[in-house]
Amino acid sequence: MKGVKKLLPNRLNPSIFPADNRGMRAVPYTPREPARRPRPRRPGFTLVEMMIVVTIVGIVAVLAAPMMGSPDTNKLRSAAQLLVADLEYAQAESITHSSATRVLVVNNTTTYTLATAATSSVAITNPVGKLPYVTTFGTGRAASLDGVTISAYSLNGDAIIGFGAYGQLDQTANATITLRSGGNTVMVTLDATTGMATVGAIQ
């Protein structure tokens, strides 16, 4: 037909079908996808940090439990749970800060303190409230636990129990702390190897 230019196979539009290296046959053009940038990694939490958070939540839960008019056994159970939560916090902090391990100091029959092993007379800061980590049954953070006392303890001959960098106790024998409320008692035992605290039956 007049006015129509005949296209030959080797005269295809090179912008759409560029020739191969030898210029003998047409190769379909495939555009390349832009390179994807790797997504930045989000920072996570370590196991020790999660342990500390869980322990703090447990402490808050114990302190928030309603105690008005509760029997001595309920006070005793809550006091034991609070003591265990504080011991677990001291253990987790000792693992995190191996150069400044934590200790629990029994000050008297109603008060105990969390401190560092190097300065056991100075309380560390409680992350809840940012106050000195001193617990006195019947006042402050343990105001609802009035009437609870520390009736006995076995801490290797002194009034201090500490944790090592791996969470173990600073003594070879198990440690015990006995709490009393009214005519009832309960014993908290710490395993010397693992540092794990358990609450016994209320007597």
N, C-alpha and C. Protein backbone atom coordinates (compact mmCIF):
# COMPACT_ATOMS: atom_id res chain seq x y z
N MET A 1 0.85 -1.21 0.00
CA MET A 1 0.00 0.00 0.00
C MET A 1 0.87 1.23 0.00
N LYS A 2 0.40 2.25 -0.75
CA LYS A 2 1.16 3.47 -0.84
C LYS A 2 1.08 4.24 0.48
N GLY A 3 2.18 4.92 0.83
CA GLY A 3 2.21 5.73 2.06
C GLY A 3 2.45 4.96 3.32
N VAL A 4 2.56 3.64 3.22
CA VAL A 4 2.82 2.81 4.39
C VAL A 4 4.21 2.21 4.26
N LYS A 5 5.05 2.47 5.23
CA LYS A 5 6.42 1.99 5.20
C LYS A 5 6.49 0.59 5.79
N LYS A 6 7.05 -0.32 5.05
CA LYS A 6 7.17 -1.71 5.50
C LYS A 6 8.28 -1.82 6.52
N LEU A 7 7.95 -2.44 7.69
CA LEU A 7 8.94 -2.62 8.75
C LEU A 7 9.59 -3.97 8.61
N LEU A 8 10.89 -3.98 8.65
CA LEU A 8 11.64 -5.23 8.60
C LEU A 8 11.86 -5.74 10.02
N PRO A 9 12.06 -7.08 10.18
CA PRO A 9 12.24 -7.63 11.54
C PRO A 9 13.42 -7.05 12.29
N ASN A 10 14.53 -6.73 11.56
CA ASN A 10 15.72 -6.21 12.24
C ASN A 10 15.72 -4.70 12.33
N ARG A 11 14.57 -4.07 12.05
CA ARG A 11 14.49 -2.62 12.14
C ARG A 11 13.50 -2.20 13.24
N LEU A 12 13.30 -3.08 14.22
CA LEU A 12 12.37 -2.75 15.30
C LEU A 12 12.87 -1.58 16.11
N ASN A 13 11.96 -0.93 16.76
CA ASN A 13 12.31 0.24 17.56
C ASN A 13 13.27 -0.17 18.67
N PRO A 14 14.51 0.33 18.68
CA PRO A 14 15.51 -0.13 19.68
C PRO A 14 15.18 0.30 21.09
N SER A 15 14.36 1.33 21.25
CA SER A 15 14.02 1.76 22.62
C SER A 15 13.08 0.80 23.29
N ILE A 16 12.32 0.01 22.48
CA ILE A 16 11.39 -0.96 23.04
C ILE A 16 11.96 -2.36 23.00
N PHE A 17 12.59 -2.73 21.89
CA PHE A 17 13.20 -4.05 21.73
C PHE A 17 14.66 -3.87 21.33
N PRO A 18 15.55 -3.56 22.26
CA PRO A 18 16.96 -3.38 21.89
C PRO A 18 17.55 -4.70 21.42
N ALA A 19 18.50 -4.60 20.50
CA ALA A 19 19.17 -5.79 19.96
C ALA A 19 20.13 -6.35 20.97
N ASP A 20 20.44 -7.66 20.82
CA ASP A 20 21.42 -8.25 21.71
C ASP A 20 22.81 -7.79 21.28
N ASN A 21 23.84 -8.35 21.94
CA ASN A 21 25.21 -7.88 21.72
C ASN A 21 25.65 -8.04 20.28
N ARG A 22 25.11 -9.03 19.56
CA ARG A 22 25.55 -9.27 18.18
C ARG A 22 24.68 -8.54 17.16
N GLY A 23 23.60 -7.89 17.61
CA GLY A 23 22.74 -7.15 16.71
C GLY A 23 22.01 -8.01 15.72
N MET A 24 21.75 -9.27 16.08
CA MET A 24 21.14 -10.20 15.14
C MET A 24 19.66 -10.42 15.42
N ARG A 25 19.25 -10.33 16.71
CA ARG A 25 17.84 -10.56 16.98
C ARG A 25 17.37 -9.63 18.10
N ALA A 26 16.08 -9.42 18.11
CA ALA A 26 15.49 -8.49 19.09
C ALA A 26 15.35 -9.16 20.45
N VAL A 27 15.65 -8.39 21.52
CA VAL A 27 15.53 -8.87 22.90
C VAL A 27 14.53 -7.98 23.64
N PRO A 28 13.45 -8.52 24.20
CA PRO A 28 12.48 -7.67 24.90
C PRO A 28 13.13 -6.92 26.05
N TYR A 29 12.75 -5.69 26.23
CA TYR A 29 13.31 -4.84 27.29
C TYR A 29 12.52 -5.04 28.58
N THR A 30 13.23 -5.37 29.65
CA THR A 30 12.58 -5.56 30.96
C THR A 30 13.15 -4.54 31.94
N PRO A 31 12.35 -3.60 32.39
CA PRO A 31 12.88 -2.60 33.34
C PRO A 31 13.22 -3.23 34.68
N ARG A 32 14.29 -2.75 35.31
CA ARG A 32 14.71 -3.27 36.61
C ARG A 32 13.97 -2.58 37.74
N GLU A 33 13.63 -3.39 38.76
CA GLU A 33 12.98 -2.82 39.93
C GLU A 33 14.01 -2.09 40.80
N PRO A 34 13.63 -0.96 41.37
CA PRO A 34 14.59 -0.25 42.24
C PRO A 34 14.95 -1.09 43.46
N ALA A 35 16.20 -1.01 43.88
CA ALA A 35 16.67 -1.78 45.04
C ALA A 35 15.94 -1.34 46.30
N ARG A 36 15.53 -2.32 47.10
CA ARG A 36 14.84 -2.02 48.35
C ARG A 36 15.83 -1.80 49.47
N ARG A 37 15.58 -0.77 50.24
CA ARG A 37 16.44 -0.49 51.38
C ARG A 37 16.08 -1.42 52.54
N PRO A 38 17.07 -1.97 53.22
CA PRO A 38 16.76 -2.84 54.36
C PRO A 38 16.09 -2.05 55.47
N ARG A 39 15.10 -2.69 56.11
CA ARG A 39 14.42 -2.03 57.20
C ARG A 39 15.30 -1.96 58.44
N PRO A 40 15.32 -0.79 59.09
CA PRO A 40 16.14 -0.71 60.32
C PRO A 40 15.61 -1.61 61.40
N ARG A 41 16.52 -2.23 62.17
CA ARG A 41 16.12 -3.11 63.26
C ARG A 41 15.64 -2.32 64.45
N ARG A 42 14.52 -2.77 65.02
CA ARG A 42 14.01 -2.10 66.20
C ARG A 42 14.68 -2.65 67.46
N PRO A 43 15.07 -1.75 68.34
CA PRO A 43 15.71 -2.25 69.57
C PRO A 43 14.74 -3.05 70.41
N GLY A 44 15.21 -4.16 71.00
CA GLY A 44 14.36 -5.01 71.83
C GLY A 44 14.76 -4.94 73.29
N PHE A 45 14.25 -5.86 74.08
CA PHE A 45 14.54 -5.92 75.50
C PHE A 45 15.30 -7.20 75.81
N THR A 46 16.25 -7.09 76.74
CA THR A 46 16.98 -8.27 77.17
C THR A 46 16.14 -9.04 78.18
N LEU A 47 16.51 -10.29 78.42
CA LEU A 47 15.79 -11.13 79.36
C LEU A 47 15.82 -10.55 80.76
N VAL A 48 16.97 -9.99 81.17
CA VAL A 48 17.10 -9.42 82.51
C VAL A 48 16.20 -8.20 82.65
N GLU A 49 16.12 -7.36 81.60
CA GLU A 49 15.25 -6.19 81.66
C GLU A 49 13.79 -6.60 81.81
N MET A 50 13.40 -7.65 81.11
CA MET A 50 12.02 -8.14 81.23
C MET A 50 11.75 -8.70 82.62
N MET A 51 12.77 -9.38 83.20
CA MET A 51 12.62 -9.90 84.56
C MET A 51 12.39 -8.76 85.55
N ILE A 52 13.14 -7.66 85.38
CA ILE A 52 13.01 -6.52 86.29
C ILE A 52 11.62 -5.91 86.16
N VAL A 53 11.15 -5.76 84.92
CA VAL A 53 9.82 -5.17 84.70
C VAL A 53 8.74 -6.05 85.34
N VAL A 54 8.83 -7.36 85.14
CA VAL A 54 7.84 -8.27 85.71
C VAL A 54 7.87 -8.21 87.24
N THR A 55 9.07 -8.11 87.81
CA THR A 55 9.19 -8.02 89.27
C THR A 55 8.57 -6.75 89.79
N ILE A 56 8.82 -5.62 89.11
CA ILE A 56 8.24 -4.34 89.54
C ILE A 56 6.72 -4.39 89.48
N VAL A 57 6.19 -4.98 88.40
CA VAL A 57 4.74 -5.11 88.28
C VAL A 57 4.18 -5.96 89.42
N GLY A 58 4.91 -7.02 89.79
CA GLY A 58 4.46 -7.85 90.91
C GLY A 58 4.44 -7.10 92.22
N ILE A 59 5.46 -6.25 92.44
CA ILE A 59 5.51 -5.45 93.67
C ILE A 59 4.33 -4.49 93.73
N VAL A 60 4.06 -3.82 92.61
CA VAL A 60 2.94 -2.88 92.57
C VAL A 60 1.62 -3.60 92.82
N ALA A 61 1.49 -4.80 92.24
CA ALA A 61 0.24 -5.56 92.43
C ALA A 61 0.03 -5.93 93.89
N VAL A 62 1.11 -6.32 94.58
CA VAL A 62 0.99 -6.68 96.00
C VAL A 62 0.59 -5.47 96.83
N LEU A 63 1.22 -4.32 96.55
CA LEU A 63 0.93 -3.12 97.33
C LEU A 63 -0.47 -2.59 97.04
N ALA A 64 -0.99 -2.87 95.84
CA ALA A 64 -2.31 -2.36 95.48
C ALA A 64 -3.44 -3.25 95.97
N ALA A 65 -3.13 -4.43 96.48
CA ALA A 65 -4.17 -5.35 96.94
C ALA A 65 -4.90 -4.76 98.15
N PRO A 66 -6.19 -4.80 98.18
CA PRO A 66 -6.94 -4.25 99.34
C PRO A 66 -6.68 -5.08 100.59
N MET A 67 -6.33 -4.37 101.67
CA MET A 67 -5.97 -5.08 102.90
C MET A 67 -6.80 -4.62 104.09
N MET A 68 -7.75 -3.69 103.90
CA MET A 68 -8.51 -3.17 105.03
C MET A 68 -9.34 -4.29 105.66
N GLY A 69 -9.11 -4.51 106.98
CA GLY A 69 -9.88 -5.49 107.72
C GLY A 69 -9.59 -6.93 107.35
N SER A 70 -8.46 -7.21 106.66
CA SER A 70 -8.15 -8.59 106.28
C SER A 70 -7.55 -9.32 107.45
N PRO A 71 -7.71 -10.64 107.49
CA PRO A 71 -7.17 -11.44 108.60
C PRO A 71 -5.65 -11.43 108.62
N ASP A 72 -5.09 -11.89 109.73
CA ASP A 72 -3.64 -11.94 109.87
C ASP A 72 -2.99 -12.83 108.80
N THR A 73 -3.68 -13.90 108.44
CA THR A 73 -3.08 -14.79 107.44
C THR A 73 -2.95 -14.11 106.08
N ASN A 74 -3.93 -13.27 105.71
CA ASN A 74 -3.84 -12.55 104.44
C ASN A 74 -2.73 -11.52 104.48
N LYS A 75 -2.58 -10.83 105.61
CA LYS A 75 -1.47 -9.88 105.75
C LYS A 75 -0.13 -10.60 105.65
N LEU A 76 -0.06 -11.74 106.30
CA LEU A 76 1.18 -12.50 106.30
C LEU A 76 1.53 -12.96 104.88
N ARG A 77 0.53 -13.44 104.16
CA ARG A 77 0.76 -13.90 102.79
C ARG A 77 1.22 -12.74 101.90
N SER A 78 0.59 -11.57 102.04
CA SER A 78 0.98 -10.42 101.23
C SER A 78 2.37 -9.92 101.60
N ALA A 79 2.71 -9.96 102.89
CA ALA A 79 4.05 -9.54 103.31
C ALA A 79 5.12 -10.48 102.75
N ALA A 80 4.83 -11.78 102.73
CA ALA A 80 5.77 -12.74 102.17
C ALA A 80 5.94 -12.52 100.67
N GLN A 81 4.85 -12.23 99.95
CA GLN A 81 4.93 -11.97 98.52
C GLN A 81 5.73 -10.70 98.24
N LEU A 82 5.54 -9.68 99.07
CA LEU A 82 6.30 -8.45 98.91
C LEU A 82 7.79 -8.69 99.14
N LEU A 83 8.12 -9.45 100.18
CA LEU A 83 9.52 -9.77 100.48
C LEU A 83 10.15 -10.55 99.32
N VAL A 84 9.43 -11.53 98.79
CA VAL A 84 9.95 -12.32 97.67
C VAL A 84 10.15 -11.43 96.44
N ALA A 85 9.20 -10.54 96.16
CA ALA A 85 9.34 -9.64 95.01
C ALA A 85 10.57 -8.75 95.16
N ASP A 86 10.83 -8.26 96.38
CA ASP A 86 12.01 -7.42 96.61
C ASP A 86 13.30 -8.25 96.47
N LEU A 87 13.29 -9.48 96.95
CA LEU A 87 14.45 -10.36 96.79
C LEU A 87 14.72 -10.65 95.31
N GLU A 88 13.66 -10.88 94.54
CA GLU A 88 13.82 -11.15 93.11
C GLU A 88 14.35 -9.92 92.38
N TYR A 89 13.93 -8.74 92.82
CA TYR A 89 14.45 -7.51 92.22
C TYR A 89 15.94 -7.36 92.53
N ALA A 90 16.32 -7.62 93.77
CA ALA A 90 17.73 -7.53 94.15
C ALA A 90 18.57 -8.53 93.35
N GLN A 91 18.02 -9.72 93.13
CA GLN A 91 18.74 -10.72 92.34
C GLN A 91 18.90 -10.28 90.89
N ALA A 92 17.82 -9.78 90.28
CA ALA A 92 17.89 -9.33 88.89
C ALA A 92 18.85 -8.16 88.74
N GLU A 93 18.85 -7.25 89.69
CA GLU A 93 19.77 -6.11 89.65
C GLU A 93 21.22 -6.57 89.82
N SER A 94 21.45 -7.60 90.62
CA SER A 94 22.81 -8.13 90.79
C SER A 94 23.32 -8.74 89.49
N ILE A 95 22.44 -9.41 88.74
CA ILE A 95 22.84 -9.98 87.46
C ILE A 95 23.13 -8.87 86.46
N THR A 96 22.32 -7.81 86.48
CA THR A 96 22.51 -6.70 85.55
C THR A 96 23.75 -5.90 85.90
N HIS A 97 23.94 -5.62 87.18
CA HIS A 97 25.09 -4.82 87.65
C HIS A 97 26.03 -5.73 88.42
N SER A 98 26.77 -6.56 87.68
CA SER A 98 27.63 -7.54 88.33
C SER A 98 28.76 -6.90 89.13
N SER A 99 29.11 -5.66 88.78
CA SER A 99 30.18 -4.98 89.52
C SER A 99 29.68 -4.32 90.79
N ALA A 100 28.36 -4.26 90.96
CA ALA A 100 27.77 -3.66 92.16
C ALA A 100 26.55 -4.49 92.56
N THR A 101 26.82 -5.71 93.05
CA THR A 101 25.72 -6.62 93.38
C THR A 101 24.90 -6.08 94.55
N ARG A 102 23.65 -6.53 94.63
CA ARG A 102 22.70 -6.04 95.63
C ARG A 102 22.59 -6.99 96.81
N VAL A 103 22.20 -6.42 97.96
CA VAL A 103 22.00 -7.21 99.17
C VAL A 103 20.71 -6.76 99.83
N LEU A 104 20.14 -7.64 100.64
CA LEU A 104 19.00 -7.29 101.49
C LEU A 104 19.49 -7.29 102.93
N VAL A 105 19.24 -6.19 103.61
CA VAL A 105 19.70 -6.02 104.99
C VAL A 105 18.50 -6.00 105.91
N VAL A 106 18.48 -6.88 106.90
CA VAL A 106 17.43 -6.86 107.92
C VAL A 106 17.86 -5.86 108.99
N ASN A 107 17.15 -4.73 109.04
CA ASN A 107 17.53 -3.68 109.99
C ASN A 107 17.00 -3.95 111.39
N ASN A 108 15.75 -4.38 111.47
CA ASN A 108 15.16 -4.72 112.77
C ASN A 108 13.97 -5.64 112.51
N THR A 109 13.09 -5.79 113.48
CA THR A 109 12.01 -6.76 113.34
C THR A 109 10.91 -6.32 112.38
N THR A 110 10.94 -5.07 111.93
CA THR A 110 9.89 -4.60 111.01
C THR A 110 10.45 -3.98 109.73
N THR A 111 11.76 -3.85 109.60
CA THR A 111 12.33 -3.10 108.48
C THR A 111 13.45 -3.87 107.80
N TYR A 112 13.46 -3.81 106.48
CA TYR A 112 14.59 -4.31 105.71
C TYR A 112 14.90 -3.33 104.58
N THR A 113 16.14 -3.39 104.08
CA THR A 113 16.64 -2.43 103.10
C THR A 113 17.33 -3.17 101.96
N LEU A 114 17.20 -2.63 100.75
CA LEU A 114 18.00 -3.10 99.62
C LEU A 114 19.12 -2.11 99.38
N ALA A 115 20.33 -2.63 99.25
CA ALA A 115 21.51 -1.79 99.08
C ALA A 115 22.51 -2.52 98.20
N THR A 116 23.65 -1.88 97.95
CA THR A 116 24.72 -2.55 97.22
C THR A 116 25.63 -3.24 98.24
N ALA A 117 26.34 -4.24 97.78
CA ALA A 117 27.22 -4.98 98.68
C ALA A 117 28.33 -4.08 99.22
N ALA A 118 28.77 -3.12 98.42
CA ALA A 118 29.87 -2.25 98.84
C ALA A 118 29.42 -1.24 99.89
N THR A 119 28.17 -0.78 99.79
CA THR A 119 27.65 0.22 100.74
C THR A 119 26.30 -0.27 101.27
N SER A 120 26.37 -1.28 102.12
CA SER A 120 25.14 -1.91 102.62
C SER A 120 24.35 -1.03 103.57
N SER A 121 24.94 0.05 104.04
CA SER A 121 24.23 0.95 104.95
C SER A 121 23.44 2.02 104.21
N VAL A 122 23.60 2.10 102.90
CA VAL A 122 22.92 3.12 102.10
C VAL A 122 21.95 2.42 101.14
N ALA A 123 20.68 2.74 101.25
CA ALA A 123 19.67 2.09 100.40
C ALA A 123 19.78 2.57 98.96
N ILE A 124 19.54 1.64 98.03
CA ILE A 124 19.46 2.03 96.63
C ILE A 124 18.10 2.70 96.38
N THR A 125 17.91 3.25 95.19
CA THR A 125 16.67 3.95 94.87
C THR A 125 15.64 2.96 94.35
N ASN A 126 14.45 3.02 94.92
CA ASN A 126 13.34 2.18 94.47
C ASN A 126 12.80 2.74 93.15
N PRO A 127 12.74 1.93 92.07
CA PRO A 127 12.23 2.46 90.80
C PRO A 127 10.77 2.88 90.86
N VAL A 128 10.02 2.37 91.85
CA VAL A 128 8.63 2.78 92.04
C VAL A 128 8.60 3.89 93.08
N GLY A 129 8.42 5.11 92.65
CA GLY A 129 8.38 6.24 93.57
C GLY A 129 9.69 6.99 93.70
N LYS A 130 10.79 6.38 93.23
CA LYS A 130 12.12 7.03 93.28
C LYS A 130 12.52 7.43 94.70
N LEU A 131 12.18 6.59 95.66
CA LEU A 131 12.56 6.83 97.05
C LEU A 131 13.56 5.77 97.49
N PRO A 132 14.23 5.97 98.63
CA PRO A 132 15.13 4.92 99.13
C PRO A 132 14.42 3.60 99.29
N TYR A 133 15.08 2.51 98.92
CA TYR A 133 14.46 1.18 98.94
C TYR A 133 14.48 0.63 100.36
N VAL A 134 13.62 1.20 101.21
CA VAL A 134 13.49 0.79 102.61
C VAL A 134 12.04 0.37 102.83
N THR A 135 11.84 -0.82 103.35
CA THR A 135 10.50 -1.33 103.60
C THR A 135 10.30 -1.53 105.10
N THR A 136 9.28 -0.88 105.63
CA THR A 136 8.91 -1.03 107.04
C THR A 136 7.45 -1.44 107.10
N PHE A 137 7.19 -2.62 107.63
CA PHE A 137 5.81 -3.10 107.73
C PHE A 137 4.99 -2.15 108.60
N GLY A 138 3.89 -1.65 108.06
CA GLY A 138 3.01 -0.74 108.79
C GLY A 138 3.16 0.70 108.39
N THR A 139 4.16 1.04 107.56
CA THR A 139 4.35 2.43 107.12
C THR A 139 4.74 2.44 105.65
N GLY A 140 4.60 3.61 105.04
CA GLY A 140 5.07 3.81 103.67
C GLY A 140 4.44 2.84 102.68
N ARG A 141 5.28 2.22 101.87
CA ARG A 141 4.81 1.31 100.83
C ARG A 141 4.18 0.04 101.39
N ALA A 142 4.44 -0.25 102.68
CA ALA A 142 3.86 -1.43 103.33
C ALA A 142 2.94 -1.03 104.48
N ALA A 143 2.24 0.11 104.30
CA ALA A 143 1.39 0.62 105.39
C ALA A 143 0.26 -0.34 105.72
N SER A 144 -0.22 -1.09 104.74
CA SER A 144 -1.34 -2.00 104.97
C SER A 144 -0.92 -3.28 105.69
N LEU A 145 0.39 -3.46 105.89
CA LEU A 145 0.90 -4.69 106.51
C LEU A 145 1.29 -4.47 107.96
N ASP A 146 0.56 -3.61 108.65
CA ASP A 146 0.86 -3.37 110.05
C ASP A 146 0.62 -4.64 110.87
N GLY A 147 1.46 -4.86 111.85
CA GLY A 147 1.38 -6.05 112.69
C GLY A 147 2.26 -7.19 112.21
N VAL A 148 2.82 -7.08 111.00
CA VAL A 148 3.74 -8.10 110.50
C VAL A 148 5.15 -7.79 111.00
N THR A 149 5.85 -8.82 111.45
CA THR A 149 7.22 -8.65 111.94
C THR A 149 8.13 -9.72 111.36
N ILE A 150 9.42 -9.44 111.41
CA ILE A 150 10.44 -10.44 111.04
C ILE A 150 10.84 -11.13 112.34
N SER A 151 10.34 -12.33 112.53
CA SER A 151 10.54 -13.00 113.82
C SER A 151 11.85 -13.78 113.89
N ALA A 152 12.38 -14.21 112.75
CA ALA A 152 13.64 -14.97 112.76
C ALA A 152 14.23 -14.96 111.35
N TYR A 153 15.55 -15.19 111.27
CA TYR A 153 16.21 -15.32 109.97
C TYR A 153 17.51 -16.08 110.13
N SER A 154 17.90 -16.76 109.06
CA SER A 154 19.17 -17.50 109.03
C SER A 154 19.91 -17.05 107.77
N LEU A 155 20.86 -16.12 107.96
CA LEU A 155 21.58 -15.50 106.84
C LEU A 155 23.09 -15.65 107.03
N ASN A 156 23.51 -16.86 107.30
CA ASN A 156 24.94 -17.16 107.46
C ASN A 156 25.58 -16.39 108.61
N GLY A 157 24.84 -16.21 109.69
CA GLY A 157 25.41 -15.61 110.89
C GLY A 157 25.30 -14.11 110.98
N ASP A 158 24.79 -13.43 109.95
CA ASP A 158 24.64 -11.98 110.04
C ASP A 158 23.23 -11.60 109.60
N ALA A 159 23.02 -10.31 109.33
CA ALA A 159 21.68 -9.84 108.96
C ALA A 159 21.63 -9.40 107.50
N ILE A 160 22.56 -9.91 106.67
CA ILE A 160 22.65 -9.49 105.27
C ILE A 160 22.64 -10.71 104.37
N ILE A 161 21.80 -10.67 103.34
CA ILE A 161 21.80 -11.72 102.33
C ILE A 161 22.08 -11.05 100.98
N GLY A 162 23.07 -11.58 100.27
CA GLY A 162 23.45 -10.97 98.99
C GLY A 162 23.38 -11.97 97.84
N PHE A 163 23.45 -11.42 96.62
CA PHE A 163 23.40 -12.23 95.41
C PHE A 163 24.67 -12.00 94.60
N GLY A 164 25.12 -13.06 93.92
CA GLY A 164 26.27 -12.95 93.06
C GLY A 164 25.88 -12.50 91.65
N ALA A 165 26.88 -12.43 90.78
CA ALA A 165 26.66 -11.96 89.41
C ALA A 165 25.80 -12.92 88.59
N TYR A 166 25.67 -14.16 89.06
CA TYR A 166 24.85 -15.15 88.35
C TYR A 166 23.53 -15.43 89.07
N GLY A 167 23.22 -14.63 90.09
CA GLY A 167 21.97 -14.80 90.81
C GLY A 167 22.06 -15.70 92.01
N GLN A 168 23.21 -16.34 92.25
CA GLN A 168 23.36 -17.25 93.38
C GLN A 168 23.53 -16.45 94.68
N LEU A 169 23.30 -17.13 95.82
CA LEU A 169 23.50 -16.46 97.10
C LEU A 169 24.98 -16.32 97.41
N ASP A 170 25.28 -15.43 98.34
CA ASP A 170 26.66 -15.23 98.76
C ASP A 170 27.03 -16.16 99.92
N GLN A 171 26.28 -17.23 100.08
CA GLN A 171 26.57 -18.22 101.12
C GLN A 171 26.27 -19.60 100.56
N THR A 172 26.87 -20.63 101.17
CA THR A 172 26.73 -21.99 100.64
C THR A 172 25.46 -22.68 101.10
N ALA A 173 24.88 -22.22 102.23
CA ALA A 173 23.65 -22.84 102.75
C ALA A 173 22.44 -22.01 102.35
N ASN A 174 21.29 -22.66 102.30
CA ASN A 174 20.05 -21.94 102.02
C ASN A 174 19.80 -20.89 103.09
N ALA A 175 19.17 -19.79 102.69
CA ALA A 175 18.83 -18.72 103.63
C ALA A 175 17.33 -18.76 103.91
N THR A 176 16.94 -18.37 105.12
CA THR A 176 15.52 -18.34 105.49
C THR A 176 15.21 -17.04 106.24
N ILE A 177 13.98 -16.55 106.02
CA ILE A 177 13.46 -15.39 106.74
C ILE A 177 12.03 -15.75 107.15
N THR A 178 11.74 -15.65 108.43
CA THR A 178 10.42 -16.01 108.95
C THR A 178 9.66 -14.74 109.33
N LEU A 179 8.43 -14.64 108.85
CA LEU A 179 7.55 -13.51 109.17
C LEU A 179 6.45 -13.97 110.11
N ARG A 180 5.99 -13.05 110.95
CA ARG A 180 4.93 -13.37 111.90
C ARG A 180 3.85 -12.29 111.87
N SER A 181 2.61 -12.72 111.99
CA SER A 181 1.48 -11.79 112.15
C SER A 181 0.47 -12.45 113.06
N GLY A 182 0.24 -11.82 114.21
CA GLY A 182 -0.63 -12.45 115.21
C GLY A 182 -0.02 -13.75 115.68
N GLY A 183 -0.77 -14.83 115.61
CA GLY A 183 -0.24 -16.14 116.02
C GLY A 183 0.22 -16.99 114.85
N ASN A 184 0.34 -16.42 113.67
CA ASN A 184 0.73 -17.18 112.48
C ASN A 184 2.11 -16.79 111.99
N THR A 185 2.80 -17.75 111.39
CA THR A 185 4.12 -17.50 110.82
C THR A 185 4.21 -18.11 109.42
N VAL A 186 5.14 -17.59 108.63
CA VAL A 186 5.43 -18.15 107.31
C VAL A 186 6.93 -17.96 107.05
N MET A 187 7.54 -18.96 106.42
CA MET A 187 8.98 -18.92 106.16
C MET A 187 9.25 -18.75 104.67
N VAL A 188 10.13 -17.80 104.35
CA VAL A 188 10.61 -17.60 102.99
C VAL A 188 12.00 -18.21 102.90
N THR A 189 12.20 -19.12 101.96
CA THR A 189 13.48 -19.83 101.81
C THR A 189 14.11 -19.46 100.48
N LEU A 190 15.42 -19.19 100.50
CA LEU A 190 16.18 -18.89 99.30
C LEU A 190 17.19 -20.01 99.04
N ASP A 191 17.15 -20.56 97.84
CA ASP A 191 18.09 -21.62 97.47
C ASP A 191 19.47 -21.02 97.25
N ALA A 192 20.49 -21.64 97.86
CA ALA A 192 21.84 -21.09 97.80
C ALA A 192 22.41 -21.10 96.39
N THR A 193 22.07 -22.09 95.58
CA THR A 193 22.64 -22.22 94.24
C THR A 193 21.95 -21.33 93.23
N THR A 194 20.63 -21.33 93.22
CA THR A 194 19.88 -20.57 92.22
C THR A 194 19.44 -19.20 92.71
N GLY A 195 19.38 -19.00 94.02
CA GLY A 195 18.89 -17.74 94.56
C GLY A 195 17.37 -17.62 94.52
N MET A 196 16.69 -18.68 94.11
CA MET A 196 15.23 -18.64 93.99
C MET A 196 14.58 -18.63 95.36
N ALA A 197 13.57 -17.75 95.51
CA ALA A 197 12.84 -17.64 96.78
C ALA A 197 11.51 -18.35 96.69
N THR A 198 11.16 -19.09 97.74
CA THR A 198 9.87 -19.78 97.81
C THR A 198 9.22 -19.48 99.15
N VAL A 199 7.88 -19.46 99.13
CA VAL A 199 7.11 -19.19 100.34
C VAL A 199 6.52 -20.49 100.85
N GLY A 200 6.76 -20.79 102.11
CA GLY A 200 6.22 -22.00 102.70
C GLY A 200 4.77 -21.84 103.12
N ALA A 201 4.23 -22.88 103.72
CA ALA A 201 2.85 -22.85 104.19
C ALA A 201 2.75 -22.00 105.44
N ILE A 202 1.63 -21.34 105.62
CA ILE A 202 1.40 -20.52 106.80
C ILE A 202 1.10 -21.44 107.98
N GLN A 203 1.82 -21.23 109.03
CA GLN A 203 1.66 -22.07 110.23
C GLN A 203 0.83 -21.34 111.27
